[in-house]
Amino acid sequence: GAGAGGDAQYLFADDVLGQNRGHVPRHAKTYRNFAAEYDRLQQERVAA
């Protein structure tokens, strides 16, 4: 969250994968929606 002027860009996998159900930092970028997939799997788990 400190711009592109450094030497590396650092994010949490939780945020990248969209599995963070709490506060998502402004600097985070989400590339997938694992939370929705986990919800679907939980529904399937209960059904099974």
All heavy atoms as atom14 arrays in JSON, in Angstrom:
{
  "sequence": "GAGAGGDAQYLFADDVLGQNRGHVPRHAKTYRNFAAEYDRLQQERVAA",
  "atom14_mask": [
    [1, 1, 1, 1, 0, 0, 0, 0, 0, 0, 0, 0, 0, 0],
    [1, 1, 1, 1, 1, 0, 0, 0, 0, 0, 0, 0, 0, 0],
    [1, 1, 1, 1, 0, 0, 0, 0, 0, 0, 0, 0, 0, 0],
    [1, 1, 1, 1, 1, 0, 0, 0, 0, 0, 0, 0, 0, 0],
    [1, 1, 1, 1, 0, 0, 0, 0, 0, 0, 0, 0, 0, 0],
    [1, 1, 1, 1, 0, 0, 0, 0, 0, 0, 0, 0, 0, 0],
    [1, 1, 1, 1, 1, 1, 1, 1, 0, 0, 0, 0, 0, 0],
    [1, 1, 1, 1, 1, 0, 0, 0, 0, 0, 0, 0, 0, 0],
    [1, 1, 1, 1, 1, 1, 1, 1, 1, 0, 0, 0, 0, 0],
    [1, 1, 1, 1, 1, 1, 1, 1, 1, 1, 1, 1, 0, 0],
    [1, 1, 1, 1, 1, 1, 1, 1, 0, 0, 0, 0, 0, 0],
    [1, 1, 1, 1, 1, 1, 1, 1, 1, 1, 1, 0, 0, 0],
    [1, 1, 1, 1, 1, 0, 0, 0, 0, 0, 0, 0, 0, 0],
    [1, 1, 1, 1, 1, 1, 1, 1, 0, 0, 0, 0, 0, 0],
    [1, 1, 1, 1, 1, 1, 1, 1, 0, 0, 0, 0, 0, 0],
    [1, 1, 1, 1, 1, 1, 1, 0, 0, 0, 0, 0, 0, 0],
    [1, 1, 1, 1, 1, 1, 1, 1, 0, 0, 0, 0, 0, 0],
    [1, 1, 1, 1, 0, 0, 0, 0, 0, 0, 0, 0, 0, 0],
    [1, 1, 1, 1, 1, 1, 1, 1, 1, 0, 0, 0, 0, 0],
    [1, 1, 1, 1, 1, 1, 1, 1, 0, 0, 0, 0, 0, 0],
    [1, 1, 1, 1, 1, 1, 1, 1, 1, 1, 1, 0, 0, 0],
    [1, 1, 1, 1, 0, 0, 0, 0, 0, 0, 0, 0, 0, 0],
    [1, 1, 1, 1, 1, 1, 1, 1, 1, 1, 0, 0, 0, 0],
    [1, 1, 1, 1, 1, 1, 1, 0, 0, 0, 0, 0, 0, 0],
    [1, 1, 1, 1, 1, 1, 1, 0, 0, 0, 0, 0, 0, 0],
    [1, 1, 1, 1, 1, 1, 1, 1, 1, 1, 1, 0, 0, 0],
    [1, 1, 1, 1, 1, 1, 1, 1, 1, 1, 0, 0, 0, 0],
    [1, 1, 1, 1, 1, 0, 0, 0, 0, 0, 0, 0, 0, 0],
    [1, 1, 1, 1, 1, 1, 1, 1, 1, 0, 0, 0, 0, 0],
    [1, 1, 1, 1, 1, 1, 1, 0, 0, 0, 0, 0, 0, 0],
    [1, 1, 1, 1, 1, 1, 1, 1, 1, 1, 1, 1, 0, 0],
    [1, 1, 1, 1, 1, 1, 1, 1, 1, 1, 1, 0, 0, 0],
    [1, 1, 1, 1, 1, 1, 1, 1, 0, 0, 0, 0, 0, 0],
    [1, 1, 1, 1, 1, 1, 1, 1, 1, 1, 1, 0, 0, 0],
    [1, 1, 1, 1, 1, 0, 0, 0, 0, 0, 0, 0, 0, 0],
    [1, 1, 1, 1, 1, 0, 0, 0, 0, 0, 0, 0, 0, 0],
    [1, 1, 1, 1, 1, 1, 1, 1, 1, 0, 0, 0, 0, 0],
    [1, 1, 1, 1, 1, 1, 1, 1, 1, 1, 1, 1, 0, 0],
    [1, 1, 1, 1, 1, 1, 1, 1, 0, 0, 0, 0, 0, 0],
    [1, 1, 1, 1, 1, 1, 1, 1, 1, 1, 1, 0, 0, 0],
    [1, 1, 1, 1, 1, 1, 1, 1, 0, 0, 0, 0, 0, 0],
    [1, 1, 1, 1, 1, 1, 1, 1, 1, 0, 0, 0, 0, 0],
    [1, 1, 1, 1, 1, 1, 1, 1, 1, 0, 0, 0, 0, 0],
    [1, 1, 1, 1, 1, 1, 1, 1, 1, 0, 0, 0, 0, 0],
    [1, 1, 1, 1, 1, 1, 1, 1, 1, 1, 1, 0, 0, 0],
    [1, 1, 1, 1, 1, 1, 1, 0, 0, 0, 0, 0, 0, 0],
    [1, 1, 1, 1, 1, 0, 0, 0, 0, 0, 0, 0, 0, 0],
    [1, 1, 1, 1, 1, 0, 0, 0, 0, 0, 0, 0, 0, 0]
  ],
  "atom14_positions": [
    [[0.8, -1.21, 0.0], [0.0, 0.0, 0.0], [0.83, 1.26, 0.0], [0.4, 2.29, 0.52], [0.0, 0.0, 0.0], [0.0, 0.0, 0.0], [0.0, 0.0, 0.0], [0.0, 0.0, 0.0], [0.0, 0.0, 0.0], [0.0, 0.0, 0.0], [0.0, 0.0, 0.0], [0.0, 0.0, 0.0], [0.0, 0.0, 0.0], [0.0, 0.0, 0.0]],
    [[2.04, 1.19, -0.58], [2.93, 2.35, -0.59], [3.4, 2.66, -2.01], [4.5, 3.18, -2.21], [4.13, 2.11, 0.33], [0.0, 0.0, 0.0], [0.0, 0.0, 0.0], [0.0, 0.0, 0.0], [0.0, 0.0, 0.0], [0.0, 0.0, 0.0], [0.0, 0.0, 0.0], [0.0, 0.0, 0.0], [0.0, 0.0, 0.0], [0.0, 0.0, 0.0]],
    [[2.59, 2.33, -3.0], [2.88, 2.71, -4.37], [3.89, 1.82, -5.06], [4.37, 0.82, -4.51], [0.0, 0.0, 0.0], [0.0, 0.0, 0.0], [0.0, 0.0, 0.0], [0.0, 0.0, 0.0], [0.0, 0.0, 0.0], [0.0, 0.0, 0.0], [0.0, 0.0, 0.0], [0.0, 0.0, 0.0], [0.0, 0.0, 0.0], [0.0, 0.0, 0.0]],
    [[4.21, 2.22, -6.29], [5.06, 1.4, -7.16], [6.52, 1.81, -7.15], [7.3, 1.34, -7.97], [4.52, 1.47, -8.6], [0.0, 0.0, 0.0], [0.0, 0.0, 0.0], [0.0, 0.0, 0.0], [0.0, 0.0, 0.0], [0.0, 0.0, 0.0], [0.0, 0.0, 0.0], [0.0, 0.0, 0.0], [0.0, 0.0, 0.0], [0.0, 0.0, 0.0]],
    [[6.9, 2.68, -6.22], [8.27, 3.17, -6.21], [9.24, 2.32, -5.42], [10.43, 2.63, -5.36], [0.0, 0.0, 0.0], [0.0, 0.0, 0.0], [0.0, 0.0, 0.0], [0.0, 0.0, 0.0], [0.0, 0.0, 0.0], [0.0, 0.0, 0.0], [0.0, 0.0, 0.0], [0.0, 0.0, 0.0], [0.0, 0.0, 0.0], [0.0, 0.0, 0.0]],
    [[8.75, 1.25, -4.82], [9.63, 0.36, -4.05], [10.24, -0.7, -4.94], [10.28, -0.59, -6.16], [0.0, 0.0, 0.0], [0.0, 0.0, 0.0], [0.0, 0.0, 0.0], [0.0, 0.0, 0.0], [0.0, 0.0, 0.0], [0.0, 0.0, 0.0], [0.0, 0.0, 0.0], [0.0, 0.0, 0.0], [0.0, 0.0, 0.0], [0.0, 0.0, 0.0]],
    [[10.7, -1.77, -4.3], [11.39, -2.84, -5.02], [10.54, -4.1, -5.17], [10.88, -4.99, -5.96], [12.7, -3.17, -4.31], [13.59, -1.95, -4.19], [13.93, -1.36, -5.23], [13.93, -1.58, -3.04], [0.0, 0.0, 0.0], [0.0, 0.0, 0.0], [0.0, 0.0, 0.0], [0.0, 0.0, 0.0], [0.0, 0.0, 0.0], [0.0, 0.0, 0.0]],
    [[9.46, -4.2, -4.39], [8.57, -5.35, -4.49], [7.17, -4.91, -4.07], [7.01, -3.94, -3.32], [9.05, -6.5, -3.59], [0.0, 0.0, 0.0], [0.0, 0.0, 0.0], [0.0, 0.0, 0.0], [0.0, 0.0, 0.0], [0.0, 0.0, 0.0], [0.0, 0.0, 0.0], [0.0, 0.0, 0.0], [0.0, 0.0, 0.0], [0.0, 0.0, 0.0]],
    [[6.18, -5.6, -4.57], [4.79, -5.37, -4.21], [4.3, -6.57, -3.39], [4.46, -7.72, -3.81], [3.91, -5.21, -5.45], [4.19, -3.95, -6.23], [3.86, -2.69, -5.43], [2.87, -2.65, -4.7], [4.7, -1.67, -5.57], [0.0, 0.0, 0.0], [0.0, 0.0, 0.0], [0.0, 0.0, 0.0], [0.0, 0.0, 0.0], [0.0, 0.0, 0.0]],
    [[3.68, -6.28, -2.24], [3.34, -7.31, -1.26], [1.85, -7.26, -0.95], [1.31, -6.22, -0.6], [4.17, -7.04, 0.0], [3.95, -7.97, 1.17], [3.55, -9.29, 1.0], [4.21, -7.52, 2.47], [3.38, -10.13, 2.09], [4.05, -8.35, 3.56], [3.64, -9.66, 3.37], [3.48, -10.49, 4.44], [0.0, 0.0, 0.0], [0.0, 0.0, 0.0]],
    [[1.19, -8.4, -1.13], [-0.21, -8.55, -0.76], [-0.4, -9.87, -0.01], [0.42, -10.78, -0.11], [-1.13, -8.53, -1.99], [-1.34, -7.2, -2.71], [-2.23, -7.4, -3.93], [-1.92, -6.15, -1.78], [0.0, 0.0, 0.0], [0.0, 0.0, 0.0], [0.0, 0.0, 0.0], [0.0, 0.0, 0.0], [0.0, 0.0, 0.0], [0.0, 0.0, 0.0]],
    [[-1.51, -9.96, 0.7], [-1.88, -11.2, 1.38], [-2.67, -12.09, 0.42], [-3.56, -11.6, -0.28], [-2.73, -10.9, 2.62], [-1.94, -10.49, 3.83], [-0.79, -9.72, 3.72], [-2.35, -10.87, 5.1], [-0.05, -9.35, 4.83], [-1.62, -10.51, 6.22], [-0.48, -9.74, 6.09], [0.0, 0.0, 0.0], [0.0, 0.0, 0.0], [0.0, 0.0, 0.0]],
    [[-2.35, -13.38, 0.43], [-3.08, -14.32, -0.41], [-4.58, -14.29, -0.1], [-5.41, -14.43, -1.0], [-2.53, -15.73, -0.23], [0.0, 0.0, 0.0], [0.0, 0.0, 0.0], [0.0, 0.0, 0.0], [0.0, 0.0, 0.0], [0.0, 0.0, 0.0], [0.0, 0.0, 0.0], [0.0, 0.0, 0.0], [0.0, 0.0, 0.0], [0.0, 0.0, 0.0]],
    [[-4.93, -14.1, 1.17], [-6.34, -14.02, 1.56], [-7.08, -12.95, 0.76], [-8.22, -13.15, 0.34], [-6.47, -13.7, 3.05], [-6.46, -14.94, 3.92], [-6.4, -16.05, 3.35], [-6.52, -14.81, 5.15], [0.0, 0.0, 0.0], [0.0, 0.0, 0.0], [0.0, 0.0, 0.0], [0.0, 0.0, 0.0], [0.0, 0.0, 0.0], [0.0, 0.0, 0.0]],
    [[-6.43, -11.8, 0.57], [-7.06, -10.71, -0.17], [-7.06, -10.99, -1.66], [-8.06, -10.74, -2.36], [-6.35, -9.39, 0.13], [-6.5, -8.95, 1.57], [-7.57, -9.25, 2.17], [-5.58, -8.33, 2.12], [0.0, 0.0, 0.0], [0.0, 0.0, 0.0], [0.0, 0.0, 0.0], [0.0, 0.0, 0.0], [0.0, 0.0, 0.0], [0.0, 0.0, 0.0]],
    [[-5.95, -11.48, -2.18], [-5.85, -11.78, -3.61], [-6.9, -12.81, -4.02], [-7.52, -12.7, -5.09], [-4.43, -12.3, -3.94], [-4.36, -12.85, -5.37], [-3.41, -11.18, -3.77], [0.0, 0.0, 0.0], [0.0, 0.0, 0.0], [0.0, 0.0, 0.0], [0.0, 0.0, 0.0], [0.0, 0.0, 0.0], [0.0, 0.0, 0.0], [0.0, 0.0, 0.0]],
    [[-7.14, -13.8, -3.16], [-8.08, -14.88, -3.48], [-9.52, -14.55, -3.1], [-10.42, -15.33, -3.4], [-7.65, -16.16, -2.76], [-6.29, -16.72, -3.17], [-5.92, -17.92, -2.31], [-6.27, -17.09, -4.65], [0.0, 0.0, 0.0], [0.0, 0.0, 0.0], [0.0, 0.0, 0.0], [0.0, 0.0, 0.0], [0.0, 0.0, 0.0], [0.0, 0.0, 0.0]],
    [[-9.74, -13.43, -2.43], [-11.1, -13.08, -2.05], [-11.66, -13.97, -0.96], [-12.87, -14.22, -0.92], [0.0, 0.0, 0.0], [0.0, 0.0, 0.0], [0.0, 0.0, 0.0], [0.0, 0.0, 0.0], [0.0, 0.0, 0.0], [0.0, 0.0, 0.0], [0.0, 0.0, 0.0], [0.0, 0.0, 0.0], [0.0, 0.0, 0.0], [0.0, 0.0, 0.0]],
    [[-10.81, -14.44, -0.07], [-11.3, -15.29, 1.02], [-11.27, -14.57, 2.36], [-11.57, -15.16, 3.39], [-10.51, -16.6, 1.08], [-9.02, -16.44, 1.27], [-8.28, -17.76, 1.05], [-8.8, -18.69, 0.43], [-7.05, -17.85, 1.55], [0.0, 0.0, 0.0], [0.0, 0.0, 0.0], [0.0, 0.0, 0.0], [0.0, 0.0, 0.0], [0.0, 0.0, 0.0]],
    [[-10.95, -13.3, 2.34], [-10.97, -12.48, 3.55], [-12.39, -11.96, 3.77], [-12.91, -11.17, 2.98], [-10.01, -11.3, 3.39], [-10.0, -10.39, 4.6], [-10.64, -10.66, 5.62], [-9.28, -9.29, 4.49], [0.0, 0.0, 0.0], [0.0, 0.0, 0.0], [0.0, 0.0, 0.0], [0.0, 0.0, 0.0], [0.0, 0.0, 0.0], [0.0, 0.0, 0.0]],
    [[-13.04, -12.4, 4.83], [-14.43, -12.0, 5.1], [-14.51, -10.74, 5.97], [-15.59, -10.25, 6.24], [-15.18, -13.15, 5.77], [-15.33, -14.38, 4.88], [-16.08, -15.48, 5.6], [-16.15, -16.69, 4.81], [-17.06, -16.94, 3.88], [-17.99, -16.02, 3.62], [-17.06, -18.07, 3.22], [0.0, 0.0, 0.0], [0.0, 0.0, 0.0], [0.0, 0.0, 0.0]],
    [[-13.36, -10.25, 6.42], [-13.36, -9.04, 7.23], [-13.07, -7.82, 6.39], [-13.41, -7.75, 5.2], [0.0, 0.0, 0.0], [0.0, 0.0, 0.0], [0.0, 0.0, 0.0], [0.0, 0.0, 0.0], [0.0, 0.0, 0.0], [0.0, 0.0, 0.0], [0.0, 0.0, 0.0], [0.0, 0.0, 0.0], [0.0, 0.0, 0.0], [0.0, 0.0, 0.0]],
    [[-12.43, -6.84, 7.01], [-12.09, -5.61, 6.32], [-11.04, -5.87, 5.25], [-10.02, -6.51, 5.5], [-11.56, -4.58, 7.32], [-10.97, -3.37, 6.68], [-11.73, -2.42, 6.03], [-9.67, -2.95, 6.58], [-10.95, -1.46, 5.57], [-9.69, -1.76, 5.88], [0.0, 0.0, 0.0], [0.0, 0.0, 0.0], [0.0, 0.0, 0.0], [0.0, 0.0, 0.0]],
    [[-11.28, -5.38, 4.04], [-10.31, -5.51, 2.95], [-9.58, -4.17, 2.82], [-10.22, -3.14, 2.58], [-11.0, -5.87, 1.63], [-9.98, -5.92, 0.5], [-11.72, -7.21, 1.76], [0.0, 0.0, 0.0], [0.0, 0.0, 0.0], [0.0, 0.0, 0.0], [0.0, 0.0, 0.0], [0.0, 0.0, 0.0], [0.0, 0.0, 0.0], [0.0, 0.0, 0.0]],
    [[-8.27, -4.15, 2.99], [-7.53, -2.88, 2.91], [-7.7, -2.19, 1.56], [-7.91, -2.86, 0.53], [-6.07, -3.31, 3.13], [-6.15, -4.65, 3.76], [-7.39, -5.29, 3.26], [0.0, 0.0, 0.0], [0.0, 0.0, 0.0], [0.0, 0.0, 0.0], [0.0, 0.0, 0.0], [0.0, 0.0, 0.0], [0.0, 0.0, 0.0], [0.0, 0.0, 0.0]],
    [[-7.58, -0.89, 1.56], [-7.73, -0.12, 0.32], [-6.71, -0.54, -0.73], [-7.0, -0.56, -1.93], [-7.57, 1.38, 0.62], [-7.62, 2.27, -0.62], [-7.57, 3.73, -0.26], [-6.44, 4.05, 0.6], [-6.26, 5.24, 1.17], [-7.15, 6.2, 1.0], [-5.21, 5.45, 1.94], [0.0, 0.0, 0.0], [0.0, 0.0, 0.0], [0.0, 0.0, 0.0]],
    [[-5.5, -0.89, -0.28], [-4.47, -1.22, -1.24], [-4.59, -2.63, -1.81], [-3.89, -2.98, -2.76], [-3.08, -1.06, -0.6], [-2.88, -1.94, 0.6], [-3.04, -1.47, 1.89], [-2.55, -3.24, 0.73], [-2.8, -2.45, 2.74], [-2.51, -3.53, 2.06], [0.0, 0.0, 0.0], [0.0, 0.0, 0.0], [0.0, 0.0, 0.0], [0.0, 0.0, 0.0]],
    [[-5.46, -3.45, -1.24], [-5.58, -4.83, -1.7], [-6.31, -4.89, -3.03], [-7.18, -4.06, -3.33], [-6.32, -5.66, -0.65], [0.0, 0.0, 0.0], [0.0, 0.0, 0.0], [0.0, 0.0, 0.0], [0.0, 0.0, 0.0], [0.0, 0.0, 0.0], [0.0, 0.0, 0.0], [0.0, 0.0, 0.0], [0.0, 0.0, 0.0], [0.0, 0.0, 0.0]],
    [[-5.95, -5.87, -3.84], [-6.67, -6.14, -5.08], [-7.11, -7.59, -5.07], [-6.3, -8.5, -4.84], [-5.8, -5.86, -6.31], [-6.55, -6.05, -7.63], [-5.73, -5.63, -8.84], [-6.54, -5.81, -10.12], [-5.77, -5.42, -11.33], [0.0, 0.0, 0.0], [0.0, 0.0, 0.0], [0.0, 0.0, 0.0], [0.0, 0.0, 0.0], [0.0, 0.0, 0.0]],
    [[-8.4, -7.81, -5.31], [-8.97, -9.15, -5.26], [-9.12, -9.7, -6.68], [-9.72, -9.05, -7.54], [-10.34, -9.12, -4.55], [-10.15, -8.65, -3.21], [-10.96, -10.5, -4.51], [0.0, 0.0, 0.0], [0.0, 0.0, 0.0], [0.0, 0.0, 0.0], [0.0, 0.0, 0.0], [0.0, 0.0, 0.0], [0.0, 0.0, 0.0], [0.0, 0.0, 0.0]],
    [[-8.57, -10.89, -6.89], [-8.56, -11.49, -8.23], [-9.53, -12.67, -8.35], [-9.84, -13.07, -9.47], [-7.15, -11.97, -8.57], [-6.16, -10.85, -8.75], [-5.56, -10.23, -7.65], [-5.82, -10.4, -10.02], [-4.64, -9.2, -7.81], [-4.91, -9.36, -10.2], [-4.33, -8.76, -9.09], [-3.43, -7.74, -9.25], [0.0, 0.0, 0.0], [0.0, 0.0, 0.0]],
    [[-9.96, -13.22, -7.26], [-10.91, -14.34, -7.27], [-11.89, -14.16, -6.11], [-11.68, -13.32, -5.24], [-10.18, -15.69, -7.13], [-9.32, -16.06, -8.32], [-10.12, -16.34, -9.57], [-9.3, -16.79, -10.67], [-8.66, -16.0, -11.54], [-8.75, -14.68, -11.39], [-7.95, -16.51, -12.52], [0.0, 0.0, 0.0], [0.0, 0.0, 0.0], [0.0, 0.0, 0.0]],
    [[-12.96, -14.99, -6.11], [-13.97, -14.92, -5.05], [-14.06, -16.27, -4.35], [-15.03, -16.99, -4.5], [-15.32, -14.5, -5.63], [-16.34, -14.18, -4.54], [-16.07, -14.35, -3.35], [-17.51, -13.74, -4.93], [0.0, 0.0, 0.0], [0.0, 0.0, 0.0], [0.0, 0.0, 0.0], [0.0, 0.0, 0.0], [0.0, 0.0, 0.0], [0.0, 0.0, 0.0]],
    [[-13.02, -16.59, -3.59], [-13.01, -17.87, -2.89], [-14.08, -17.93, -1.81], [-14.58, -19.0, -1.48], [-11.63, -18.11, -2.27], [-10.65, -18.78, -3.19], [-10.65, -18.49, -4.55], [-9.73, -19.69, -2.7], [-9.75, -19.1, -5.41], [-8.82, -20.3, -3.55], [-8.82, -20.01, -4.9], [0.0, 0.0, 0.0], [0.0, 0.0, 0.0], [0.0, 0.0, 0.0]],
    [[-14.45, -16.78, -1.23], [-15.45, -16.78, -0.17], [-16.77, -17.35, -0.69], [-17.43, -18.16, -0.01], [-15.66, -15.38, 0.37], [0.0, 0.0, 0.0], [0.0, 0.0, 0.0], [0.0, 0.0, 0.0], [0.0, 0.0, 0.0], [0.0, 0.0, 0.0], [0.0, 0.0, 0.0], [0.0, 0.0, 0.0], [0.0, 0.0, 0.0], [0.0, 0.0, 0.0]],
    [[-17.17, -16.94, -1.9], [-18.41, -17.46, -2.49], [-18.29, -18.95, -2.75], [-19.24, -19.71, -2.55], [-18.73, -16.71, -3.78], [0.0, 0.0, 0.0], [0.0, 0.0, 0.0], [0.0, 0.0, 0.0], [0.0, 0.0, 0.0], [0.0, 0.0, 0.0], [0.0, 0.0, 0.0], [0.0, 0.0, 0.0], [0.0, 0.0, 0.0], [0.0, 0.0, 0.0]],
    [[-17.1, -19.38, -3.19], [-16.89, -20.81, -3.44], [-16.93, -21.6, -2.14], [-17.5, -22.7, -2.08], [-15.56, -21.02, -4.15], [-15.27, -22.45, -4.57], [-16.22, -22.97, -5.64], [-16.97, -22.17, -6.24], [-16.23, -24.19, -5.86], [0.0, 0.0, 0.0], [0.0, 0.0, 0.0], [0.0, 0.0, 0.0], [0.0, 0.0, 0.0], [0.0, 0.0, 0.0]],
    [[-16.36, -21.04, -1.09], [-16.43, -21.7, 0.22], [-17.87, -21.79, 0.7], [-18.27, -22.8, 1.3], [-15.59, -20.94, 1.24], [-14.1, -21.05, 1.03], [-13.25, -20.0, 1.39], [-13.52, -22.18, 0.47], [-11.88, -20.08, 1.2], [-12.16, -22.27, 0.27], [-11.34, -21.22, 0.63], [-9.99, -21.31, 0.44], [0.0, 0.0, 0.0], [0.0, 0.0, 0.0]],
    [[-18.67, -20.75, 0.47], [-20.09, -20.79, 0.84], [-20.8, -21.9, 0.09], [-21.63, -22.63, 0.66], [-20.75, -19.44, 0.55], [-20.32, -18.35, 1.52], [-19.8, -18.68, 2.6], [-20.5, -17.16, 1.19], [0.0, 0.0, 0.0], [0.0, 0.0, 0.0], [0.0, 0.0, 0.0], [0.0, 0.0, 0.0], [0.0, 0.0, 0.0], [0.0, 0.0, 0.0]],
    [[-20.52, -22.0, -1.21], [-21.15, -23.05, -2.02], [-20.74, -24.43, -1.51], [-21.58, -25.33, -1.37], [-20.75, -22.9, -3.48], [-21.44, -23.89, -4.43], [-20.85, -23.87, -5.81], [-19.5, -24.42, -5.83], [-19.25, -25.74, -5.83], [-20.24, -26.63, -5.79], [-18.01, -26.17, -5.84], [0.0, 0.0, 0.0], [0.0, 0.0, 0.0], [0.0, 0.0, 0.0]],
    [[-19.45, -24.59, -1.2], [-18.98, -25.87, -0.69], [-19.59, -26.2, 0.66], [-19.9, -27.37, 0.94], [-17.45, -25.86, -0.59], [-16.7, -25.9, -1.92], [-15.2, -25.68, -1.69], [-16.94, -27.21, -2.66], [0.0, 0.0, 0.0], [0.0, 0.0, 0.0], [0.0, 0.0, 0.0], [0.0, 0.0, 0.0], [0.0, 0.0, 0.0], [0.0, 0.0, 0.0]],
    [[-19.79, -25.18, 1.5], [-20.42, -25.43, 2.79], [-21.86, -25.89, 2.62], [-22.32, -26.8, 3.34], [-20.35, -24.16, 3.66], [-21.0, -24.29, 5.03], [-20.29, -25.28, 5.95], [-19.26, -25.87, 5.59], [-20.82, -25.48, 7.15], [0.0, 0.0, 0.0], [0.0, 0.0, 0.0], [0.0, 0.0, 0.0], [0.0, 0.0, 0.0], [0.0, 0.0, 0.0]],
    [[-22.56, -25.27, 1.69], [-23.93, -25.71, 1.4], [-23.95, -27.16, 0.92], [-24.81, -27.96, 1.33], [-24.56, -24.79, 0.36], [-24.83, -23.38, 0.85], [-25.26, -22.45, -0.26], [-25.41, -22.86, -1.4], [-25.46, -21.18, 0.08], [0.0, 0.0, 0.0], [0.0, 0.0, 0.0], [0.0, 0.0, 0.0], [0.0, 0.0, 0.0], [0.0, 0.0, 0.0]],
    [[-22.99, -27.51, 0.07], [-22.88, -28.89, -0.41], [-22.51, -29.83, 0.73], [-23.0, -30.97, 0.8], [-21.84, -28.97, -1.52], [-22.27, -28.34, -2.83], [-23.46, -29.06, -3.44], [-23.38, -30.29, -3.65], [-24.49, -28.4, -3.68], [0.0, 0.0, 0.0], [0.0, 0.0, 0.0], [0.0, 0.0, 0.0], [0.0, 0.0, 0.0], [0.0, 0.0, 0.0]],
    [[-21.68, -29.36, 1.64], [-21.28, -30.17, 2.8], [-22.49, -30.49, 3.67], [-22.7, -31.64, 4.09], [-20.2, -29.41, 3.59], [-19.6, -30.2, 4.73], [-18.52, -29.38, 5.44], [-17.31, -29.23, 4.64], [-16.86, -28.09, 4.14], [-17.54, -26.96, 4.37], [-15.77, -28.04, 3.44], [0.0, 0.0, 0.0], [0.0, 0.0, 0.0], [0.0, 0.0, 0.0]],
    [[-23.29, -29.45, 3.97], [-24.5, -29.65, 4.78], [-25.45, -30.6, 4.08], [-26.05, -31.5, 4.7], [-25.18, -28.3, 5.06], [-26.54, -28.51, 5.73], [-24.29, -27.42, 5.94], [0.0, 0.0, 0.0], [0.0, 0.0, 0.0], [0.0, 0.0, 0.0], [0.0, 0.0, 0.0], [0.0, 0.0, 0.0], [0.0, 0.0, 0.0], [0.0, 0.0, 0.0]],
    [[-25.62, -30.43, 2.76], [-26.53, -31.29, 2.0], [-26.08, -32.74, 2.03], [-26.89, -33.66, 2.22], [-26.64, -30.79, 0.57], [0.0, 0.0, 0.0], [0.0, 0.0, 0.0], [0.0, 0.0, 0.0], [0.0, 0.0, 0.0], [0.0, 0.0, 0.0], [0.0, 0.0, 0.0], [0.0, 0.0, 0.0], [0.0, 0.0, 0.0], [0.0, 0.0, 0.0]],
    [[-24.77, -32.96, 1.87], [-24.25, -34.33, 1.89], [-24.43, -34.97, 3.25], [-24.82, -36.14, 3.36], [-22.77, -34.31, 1.49], [0.0, 0.0, 0.0], [0.0, 0.0, 0.0], [0.0, 0.0, 0.0], [0.0, 0.0, 0.0], [0.0, 0.0, 0.0], [0.0, 0.0, 0.0], [0.0, 0.0, 0.0], [0.0, 0.0, 0.0], [0.0, 0.0, 0.0]]
  ]
}
